[in-house]
Amino acid sequence: MLFTVSTLLRVLAAGAASIPFVAAQAPAPVTTEQLYGTLSSTAAPAPGFNAEGGSVFANYVNAVNDRQFFLLTTGSWVYEKPATEPVQYTFLDWCSDLTSSDLSNGSLIGYAGRCVTNRVDGYASGVAAGAQVSDTFSEGEFSFTRGVSAVYVEQLNVFEGQYHVNADDSVDRWFDDGSKTSPTIGWEGHDEGDMSANAATASWSLFGGNTWMTVEEVAQLLNTSTDEFTPEKFNQVYEDVWTKEHEKEAASDNPNAGAESEIIEEVKNEADSTDPATPIDGDSGTRRKLVSVAGRFVSASLRVFGI
């Protein structure tokens, strides 16, 4: 279930959707006036609202009600390898299978779920800078899975969220105030168990931004139908990608490959013996979904969004 993105999409993603950065060798002077000029407002927003007057809960409400969400992430990655240039990546994450707060039984507001990730652009530059090499990866495909969670922190008036890669040790954090875009940071440390060819140079740090995409925007972006991206089609895509990435890890990266292979086979057997489940959406507010899915991914252009 891996889907090719066109050369046009990759070029536009690298150019139009990239996050500007200044190379460390010769930074331009920065003034406080410049930084103040980037702020939406110098007045502190009221609790529950952002600086533009919108609801801090907007993205959360859409994610819970739609039972899925999409994030387009662009940013600058700095790898540990000396003298390498920063790398600009573009990722598209499709997240679903969400469990959210029971608002009838407490004030905690948050969710956790699963994602499949498409590295739209930047892989070749990343490998040159020291990124890990994957023989199962192809740019423009849903090629790895992540776990996701976020919680509203009332003292900060923001949702703090995180991604982590399931078959690696990288983590991304973001700070969602309900706006269309959210700032993000991330990192990957040195993994003593990593057996990939570039393991010695794969540690990195990033800063960037997430754009919250509606399913209509994703369908338009990818020149396909919204029917291709539904909660009912997510789980099979996730299972296929999860299985492939873990089979690769068991074959080359895991010193205890036998145990991982057994788990993979258990998942496959459970999937083969289980009928498609009915979504569970009770009055408690818990939005856990158990559904069977399939999907595909097609190419298109980023220009319509001006990102």
Protein backbone atom coordinates (compact mmCIF):
# COMPACT_ATOMS: atom_id res chain seq x y z
CA MET A 1 0.00 0.00 0.00
CA LEU A 2 2.76 2.48 -1.00
CA PHE A 3 1.97 5.35 -3.30
CA THR A 4 4.12 7.37 -5.70
CA VAL A 5 4.16 11.17 -5.61
CA SER A 6 5.10 12.98 -8.83
CA THR A 7 8.30 14.87 -9.50
CA LEU A 8 6.23 18.06 -9.69
CA LEU A 9 4.92 17.53 -6.16
CA ARG A 10 8.42 16.93 -4.81
CA VAL A 11 9.80 20.06 -6.48
CA LEU A 12 6.95 22.24 -5.24
CA ALA A 13 7.17 20.76 -1.75
CA ALA A 14 10.89 21.50 -1.60
CA GLY A 15 10.47 25.07 -2.86
CA ALA A 16 7.10 26.45 -1.83
CA ALA A 17 6.56 24.49 1.38
CA SER A 18 10.05 24.73 2.84
CA ILE A 19 10.95 26.53 6.06
CA PRO A 20 13.55 29.29 5.50
CA PHE A 21 16.76 28.92 7.49
CA VAL A 22 20.06 30.73 7.87
CA ALA A 23 23.21 28.61 7.65
CA ALA A 24 25.24 28.53 10.85
CA GLN A 25 28.46 29.66 9.14
CA ALA A 26 27.38 33.25 8.42
CA PRO A 27 24.19 34.24 10.27
CA ALA A 28 22.72 37.67 9.57
CA PRO A 29 22.29 40.01 12.54
CA VAL A 30 18.95 39.65 14.31
CA THR A 31 17.19 42.44 16.21
CA THR A 32 14.40 42.35 18.77
CA GLU A 33 12.33 44.57 16.47
CA GLN A 34 12.48 41.89 13.77
CA LEU A 35 11.24 39.27 16.22
CA TYR A 36 8.41 41.47 17.49
CA GLY A 37 7.36 41.92 13.88
CA THR A 38 6.73 38.19 13.52
CA LEU A 39 4.13 38.13 16.32
CA SER A 40 0.44 37.97 15.49
CA SER A 41 -0.35 40.10 18.52
CA THR A 42 1.53 41.51 21.51
CA ALA A 43 -1.55 41.15 23.73
CA ALA A 44 -1.98 37.94 25.69
CA PRO A 45 -4.99 35.98 24.34
CA ALA A 46 -7.85 34.98 26.61
CA PRO A 47 -7.77 31.37 27.85
CA GLY A 48 -9.10 29.03 25.18
CA PHE A 49 -8.33 31.46 22.35
CA ASN A 50 -5.22 32.10 20.25
CA ALA A 51 -3.57 35.38 19.29
CA GLU A 52 -5.72 35.65 16.16
CA GLY A 53 -8.95 35.31 18.14
CA GLY A 54 -9.69 31.74 17.07
CA SER A 55 -10.36 28.77 19.34
CA VAL A 56 -7.42 26.85 20.75
CA PHE A 57 -9.62 23.75 20.46
CA ALA A 58 -10.33 24.04 16.71
CA ASN A 59 -7.88 21.39 15.48
CA TYR A 60 -8.76 19.06 18.36
CA VAL A 61 -12.49 19.32 17.65
CA ASN A 62 -11.95 18.58 13.95
CA ALA A 63 -9.67 15.61 14.67
CA VAL A 64 -12.10 14.03 17.16
CA ASN A 65 -15.23 14.64 15.08
CA ASP A 66 -13.58 13.56 11.79
CA ARG A 67 -11.85 10.63 13.55
CA GLN A 68 -8.63 11.49 11.71
CA PHE A 69 -6.34 14.39 10.82
CA PHE A 70 -3.58 15.26 8.37
CA LEU A 71 -0.40 17.25 9.00
CA LEU A 72 2.00 18.53 6.38
CA THR A 73 5.34 19.14 8.10
CA THR A 74 8.19 21.18 6.66
CA GLY A 75 11.41 21.98 8.44
CA SER A 76 15.19 22.13 8.63
CA TRP A 77 17.13 19.14 9.98
CA VAL A 78 20.71 19.48 11.25
CA TYR A 79 22.60 16.16 11.37
CA GLU A 80 25.46 15.39 13.71
CA LYS A 81 28.00 14.75 10.94
CA PRO A 82 30.56 17.61 10.89
CA ALA A 83 30.39 20.18 8.09
CA THR A 84 27.13 18.89 6.58
CA GLU A 85 24.52 21.38 5.40
CA PRO A 86 21.03 21.56 6.97
CA VAL A 87 18.47 19.39 5.17
CA GLN A 88 14.93 20.45 4.35
CA TYR A 89 12.31 17.71 4.50
CA THR A 90 8.58 17.66 3.78
CA PHE A 91 6.38 15.02 5.43
CA LEU A 92 2.69 14.21 5.17
CA ASP A 93 1.15 12.38 8.14
CA TRP A 94 -2.25 10.70 8.09
CA CYS A 95 -3.37 9.96 11.65
CA SER A 96 -6.43 8.02 12.77
CA ASP A 97 -7.55 5.18 15.07
CA LEU A 98 -7.82 7.87 17.76
CA THR A 99 -8.64 7.48 21.43
CA SER A 100 -9.78 10.78 22.93
CA SER A 101 -10.80 12.17 26.31
CA ASP A 102 -14.01 11.27 28.07
CA LEU A 103 -15.22 14.83 28.61
CA SER A 104 -18.21 13.65 30.63
CA ASN A 105 -15.89 12.30 33.32
CA GLY A 106 -13.16 14.86 33.84
CA SER A 107 -11.49 17.97 32.50
CA LEU A 108 -8.52 16.34 30.74
CA ILE A 109 -8.53 17.09 27.00
CA GLY A 110 -6.32 15.00 24.76
CA TYR A 111 -5.95 12.12 22.35
CA ALA A 112 -3.61 9.34 21.24
CA GLY A 113 -3.53 7.40 17.99
CA ARG A 114 -1.57 6.00 15.08
CA CYS A 115 -0.13 7.57 11.92
CA VAL A 116 1.38 6.59 8.58
CA THR A 117 4.03 8.96 7.26
CA ASN A 118 4.97 9.93 3.73
CA ARG A 119 8.36 11.60 3.30
CA VAL A 120 7.45 13.76 0.33
CA ASP A 121 10.83 15.39 -0.25
CA GLY A 122 14.40 15.60 1.02
CA TYR A 123 15.44 11.95 1.44
CA ALA A 124 18.45 12.03 -0.90
CA SER A 125 19.83 15.15 0.75
CA GLY A 126 19.25 13.58 4.15
CA VAL A 127 21.22 10.46 3.29
CA ALA A 128 24.08 12.62 2.05
CA ALA A 129 24.06 14.48 5.38
CA GLY A 130 24.13 11.24 7.39
CA ALA A 131 20.54 9.95 7.61
CA GLN A 132 19.85 6.26 8.01
CA VAL A 133 19.60 4.24 4.82
CA SER A 134 16.52 2.07 4.26
CA ASP A 135 16.25 -0.43 1.44
CA THR A 136 12.46 -0.46 1.89
CA PHE A 137 12.06 3.29 1.57
CA SER A 138 11.07 5.22 -1.54
CA GLU A 139 10.43 8.95 -1.50
CA GLY A 140 6.77 9.82 -1.91
CA GLU A 141 5.42 6.68 -0.20
CA PHE A 142 3.75 5.98 3.11
CA SER A 143 6.84 4.17 4.32
CA PHE A 144 6.84 4.21 8.13
CA THR A 145 4.47 4.45 11.09
CA ARG A 146 4.33 6.67 14.11
CA GLY A 147 2.50 6.95 17.39
CA VAL A 148 0.89 10.30 18.17
CA SER A 149 -0.55 11.99 21.25
CA ALA A 150 -1.45 15.47 22.44
CA VAL A 151 -2.91 17.07 25.55
CA TYR A 152 -4.26 20.54 26.34
CA VAL A 153 -2.16 22.37 28.94
CA GLU A 154 -4.38 25.06 30.43
CA GLN A 155 -1.49 26.93 32.07
CA LEU A 156 0.10 27.38 28.61
CA ASN A 157 -3.17 27.69 26.66
CA VAL A 158 -1.90 25.25 24.04
CA PHE A 159 -2.01 21.57 23.04
CA GLU A 160 1.38 19.93 23.40
CA GLY A 161 1.68 17.07 20.92
CA GLN A 162 4.26 14.49 19.91
CA TYR A 163 5.07 11.99 17.20
CA HIS A 164 7.49 9.11 17.71
CA VAL A 165 8.65 6.67 15.05
CA ASN A 166 7.68 3.12 16.00
CA ALA A 167 10.72 1.38 14.52
CA ASP A 168 13.29 4.00 15.53
CA ASP A 169 14.00 6.51 18.31
CA SER A 170 13.10 9.89 16.78
CA VAL A 171 10.58 12.25 18.40
CA ASP A 172 8.82 15.37 17.10
CA ARG A 173 6.93 17.81 19.36
CA TRP A 174 4.47 20.46 18.29
CA PHE A 175 2.51 23.23 19.98
CA ASP A 176 -1.04 23.61 18.70
CA ASP A 177 -3.03 26.76 19.51
CA GLY A 178 -5.85 25.92 17.08
CA SER A 179 -4.32 27.84 14.18
CA LYS A 180 -3.82 26.48 10.66
CA THR A 181 -0.09 26.10 11.37
CA SER A 182 1.80 24.94 14.45
CA PRO A 183 5.51 25.25 15.30
CA THR A 184 7.42 21.99 15.78
CA ILE A 185 10.78 20.76 17.06
CA GLY A 186 12.27 17.27 16.96
CA TRP A 187 15.33 15.12 17.50
CA GLU A 188 16.88 11.68 17.21
CA GLY A 189 19.70 10.52 19.45
CA HIS A 190 22.30 7.82 18.99
CA ASP A 191 20.81 4.32 19.05
CA GLU A 192 23.28 1.69 20.22
CA GLY A 193 21.13 -1.03 18.67
CA ASP A 194 20.97 0.60 15.25
CA MET A 195 22.70 -1.54 12.62
CA SER A 196 22.00 0.65 9.56
CA ALA A 197 24.85 1.83 7.35
CA ASN A 198 24.67 5.45 8.54
CA ALA A 199 24.07 4.71 12.22
CA ALA A 200 27.13 6.68 13.33
CA THR A 201 25.87 9.92 11.74
CA ALA A 202 22.07 9.63 12.07
CA SER A 203 21.50 11.82 15.14
CA TRP A 204 19.70 15.08 14.27
CA SER A 205 17.75 18.09 15.53
CA LEU A 206 15.02 20.03 13.71
CA PHE A 207 12.78 23.05 13.80
CA GLY A 208 9.85 23.66 11.48
CA GLY A 209 6.11 23.93 11.17
CA ASN A 210 3.00 21.80 10.70
CA THR A 211 0.09 22.72 8.46
CA TRP A 212 -3.24 21.19 9.48
CA MET A 213 -4.86 19.88 6.29
CA THR A 214 -8.53 19.00 5.80
CA VAL A 215 -9.36 15.83 3.91
CA GLU A 216 -10.65 18.00 1.07
CA GLU A 217 -7.30 19.81 0.89
CA VAL A 218 -5.42 16.51 0.92
CA ALA A 219 -7.62 15.12 -1.86
CA GLN A 220 -7.11 18.28 -3.92
CA LEU A 221 -3.39 18.28 -3.17
CA LEU A 222 -3.05 14.68 -4.32
CA ASN A 223 -5.55 14.89 -7.18
CA THR A 224 -7.73 12.13 -5.79
CA SER A 225 -11.05 11.61 -4.04
CA THR A 226 -11.78 12.17 -0.38
CA ASP A 227 -13.05 8.57 -0.39
CA GLU A 228 -9.42 7.44 -0.47
CA PHE A 229 -8.72 8.99 2.95
CA THR A 230 -11.32 7.89 5.47
CA PRO A 231 -11.14 6.38 8.95
CA GLU A 232 -12.62 3.24 7.41
CA LYS A 233 -9.61 2.96 5.07
CA PHE A 234 -6.85 3.85 7.50
CA ASN A 235 -6.21 0.64 9.44
CA GLN A 236 -5.21 -1.57 6.51
CA VAL A 237 -2.80 1.09 5.24
CA TYR A 238 -1.31 1.30 8.73
CA GLU A 239 -1.07 -2.47 9.10
CA ASP A 240 0.62 -2.91 5.72
CA VAL A 241 3.22 -0.22 6.39
CA TRP A 242 3.80 -1.40 9.97
CA THR A 243 4.33 -4.98 8.78
CA LYS A 244 6.78 -3.98 6.06
CA GLU A 245 8.87 -1.75 8.31
CA HIS A 246 9.07 -4.42 11.02
CA GLU A 247 9.94 -7.15 8.52
CA LYS A 248 12.80 -4.94 7.34
CA GLU A 249 13.91 -4.34 10.92
CA ALA A 250 13.75 -8.05 11.76
CA ALA A 251 15.82 -8.88 8.69
CA SER A 252 18.61 -6.37 9.24
CA ASP A 253 18.42 -4.24 12.39
CA ASN A 254 17.11 -6.29 15.29
CA PRO A 255 19.56 -8.57 17.16
CA ASN A 256 16.51 -10.49 18.43
CA ALA A 257 14.96 -10.94 14.99
CA GLY A 258 13.17 -14.18 15.86
CA ALA A 259 11.00 -12.58 18.53
CA GLU A 260 10.05 -9.69 16.26
CA SER A 261 9.20 -12.08 13.41
CA GLU A 262 6.87 -14.01 15.72
CA ILE A 263 5.02 -10.81 16.60
CA ILE A 264 4.68 -9.93 12.91
CA GLU A 265 3.20 -13.33 12.15
CA GLU A 266 0.77 -13.01 15.07
CA VAL A 267 -0.47 -9.68 13.69
CA LYS A 268 -0.88 -11.16 10.21
CA ASN A 269 -2.80 -14.17 11.56
CA GLU A 270 -5.07 -11.99 13.67
CA ALA A 271 -5.85 -9.82 10.67
CA ASP A 272 -6.64 -12.85 8.51
CA SER A 273 -8.98 -14.37 11.09
CA THR A 274 -10.87 -11.24 12.14
CA ASP A 275 -13.88 -9.82 10.34
CA PRO A 276 -14.01 -6.04 9.82
CA ALA A 277 -15.03 -4.55 13.14
CA THR A 278 -17.78 -2.05 13.72
CA PRO A 279 -16.59 1.38 14.86
CA ILE A 280 -17.21 2.06 18.54
CA ASP A 281 -18.42 5.58 19.25
CA GLY A 282 -20.29 5.57 22.52
CA ASP A 283 -21.68 8.39 24.62
CA SER A 284 -18.61 8.33 26.85
CA GLY A 285 -16.66 10.48 24.41
CA THR A 286 -14.04 7.79 23.76
CA ARG A 287 -13.45 7.70 19.99
CA ARG A 288 -11.57 4.39 19.69
CA LYS A 289 -12.05 2.96 16.21
CA LEU A 290 -11.52 -0.63 15.08
CA VAL A 291 -11.99 -0.75 11.32
CA SER A 292 -10.64 -2.54 8.28
CA VAL A 293 -9.21 -0.43 5.45
CA ALA A 294 -7.38 -0.13 2.14
CA GLY A 295 -6.03 2.81 0.25
CA ARG A 296 -3.80 4.30 -2.41
CA PHE A 297 -1.91 7.55 -2.95
CA VAL A 298 -1.64 9.63 -6.17
CA SER A 299 0.36 12.65 -7.30
CA ALA A 300 -0.50 16.34 -7.69
CA SER A 301 0.58 19.92 -6.93
CA LEU A 302 1.03 22.06 -3.81
CA ARG A 303 0.47 25.35 -5.64
CA VAL A 304 -3.26 25.61 -4.84
CA PHE A 305 -2.48 26.06 -1.15
CA GLY A 306 0.33 28.60 -1.49
CA ILE A 307 2.28 26.80 1.25
